[in-house]
């Protein structure tokens, strides 16, 4: 039995959680190089959370729908799968809203 890698959305969420745990464990720094490290760590957490949300967009060729369906109960997963045909329209709406 082979083990397949998790979907990108799950990987981004796990990475963000691991980085957040490291951020919580480290002591609050003074204004030193360690402070710069914590800023970069915080940006990496935000970036992974943003990628997590982006990967959940239900656009057919991406892995978002598969990740969402895997987290939903069976009856809700069926209802969610009916959104896949309108996924590109959702993406266009998000792009247009950003302008």
Protein backbone atom coordinates (compact mmCIF):
# COMPACT_ATOMS: atom_id res chain seq x y z
CA UNK A 1 0.00 0.00 0.00
CA UNK A 2 1.47 3.33 -1.04
CA UNK A 3 0.80 6.60 0.68
CA UNK A 4 -0.06 9.58 -1.48
CA UNK A 5 0.91 13.10 -0.46
CA UNK A 6 -1.77 15.32 1.06
CA UNK A 7 -3.52 17.86 -1.14
CA UNK A 8 -1.76 21.25 -1.35
CA UNK A 9 -4.41 22.93 0.80
CA UNK A 10 -3.77 20.47 3.63
CA UNK A 11 0.00 20.87 3.25
CA UNK A 12 -0.28 24.65 3.46
CA UNK A 13 -2.47 24.45 6.56
CA UNK A 14 -0.11 22.01 8.30
CA UNK A 15 2.89 24.19 7.43
CA UNK A 16 1.14 27.29 8.79
CA UNK A 17 0.24 25.45 12.00
CA UNK A 18 3.81 24.18 12.46
CA UNK A 19 5.24 27.66 11.89
CA UNK A 20 2.67 29.16 14.27
CA UNK A 21 3.73 26.66 16.94
CA UNK A 22 7.38 27.66 16.47
CA UNK A 23 6.35 31.33 16.63
CA UNK A 24 4.48 30.71 19.90
CA UNK A 25 7.36 28.79 21.50
CA UNK A 26 10.04 31.39 20.79
CA UNK A 27 10.39 34.13 23.41
CA UNK A 28 9.49 37.72 22.49
CA UNK A 29 12.68 39.23 21.12
CA UNK A 30 14.32 42.58 21.58
CA UNK A 31 15.17 44.66 18.51
CA UNK A 32 17.80 42.30 17.19
CA UNK A 33 18.30 39.85 14.36
CA UNK A 34 15.93 37.49 16.19
CA UNK A 35 13.19 40.11 15.77
CA UNK A 36 13.74 40.05 12.02
CA UNK A 37 13.52 36.25 12.06
CA UNK A 38 10.16 36.42 13.84
CA UNK A 39 8.84 38.92 11.30
CA UNK A 40 9.83 36.59 8.47
CA UNK A 41 8.29 33.66 10.34
CA UNK A 42 5.05 35.59 10.76
CA UNK A 43 5.00 36.45 7.05
CA UNK A 44 5.53 32.77 6.21
CA UNK A 45 2.53 31.87 8.39
CA UNK A 46 0.32 34.44 6.65
CA UNK A 47 1.55 33.35 3.21
CA UNK A 48 0.76 29.68 3.91
CA UNK A 49 -2.69 30.58 5.22
CA UNK A 50 -3.31 32.63 2.08
CA UNK A 51 -2.21 29.70 -0.10
CA UNK A 52 -4.47 27.41 1.96
CA UNK A 53 -7.48 29.61 1.22
CA UNK A 54 -6.51 30.01 -2.44
CA UNK A 55 -6.21 26.24 -2.85
CA UNK A 56 -9.77 25.81 -1.56
CA UNK A 57 -11.28 27.78 -4.46
CA UNK A 58 -13.50 25.22 -6.20
CA UNK A 59 -12.14 25.57 -9.73
CA UNK A 60 -12.16 22.23 -11.53
CA UNK A 61 -8.56 21.76 -12.69
CA UNK A 62 -7.14 22.72 -9.29
CA UNK A 63 -7.12 20.54 -6.20
CA UNK A 64 -9.43 22.76 -4.17
CA UNK A 65 -12.61 20.78 -4.76
CA UNK A 66 -10.95 17.50 -3.80
CA UNK A 67 -9.61 19.01 -0.57
CA UNK A 68 -12.97 20.47 0.40
CA UNK A 69 -14.88 17.29 -0.46
CA UNK A 70 -12.47 15.24 1.65
CA UNK A 71 -13.29 17.38 4.70
CA UNK A 72 -17.09 17.31 4.27
CA UNK A 73 -19.63 14.65 5.25
CA UNK A 74 -20.88 12.59 2.31
CA UNK A 75 -24.20 14.39 1.76
CA UNK A 76 -22.56 17.84 1.93
CA UNK A 77 -19.71 16.65 -0.33
CA UNK A 78 -22.30 15.70 -2.95
CA UNK A 79 -23.92 19.14 -2.74
CA UNK A 80 -20.51 20.81 -2.92
CA UNK A 81 -19.53 18.82 -6.01
CA UNK A 82 -22.45 20.45 -7.81
CA UNK A 83 -20.57 23.78 -7.50
CA UNK A 84 -17.64 22.61 -9.63
CA UNK A 85 -19.18 23.69 -12.97
CA UNK A 86 -19.49 27.28 -11.68
CA UNK A 87 -15.96 27.28 -10.21
CA UNK A 88 -14.47 29.34 -13.04
CA UNK A 89 -17.23 31.94 -12.57
CA UNK A 90 -16.41 32.12 -8.86
CA UNK A 91 -12.75 32.69 -9.75
CA UNK A 92 -13.68 35.42 -12.25
CA UNK A 93 -15.80 37.09 -9.55
CA UNK A 94 -12.91 37.04 -7.10
CA UNK A 95 -10.57 38.53 -9.71
CA UNK A 96 -13.08 41.23 -10.66
CA UNK A 97 -13.74 42.08 -6.99
CA UNK A 98 -10.03 42.78 -6.53
CA UNK A 99 -10.07 45.69 -8.97
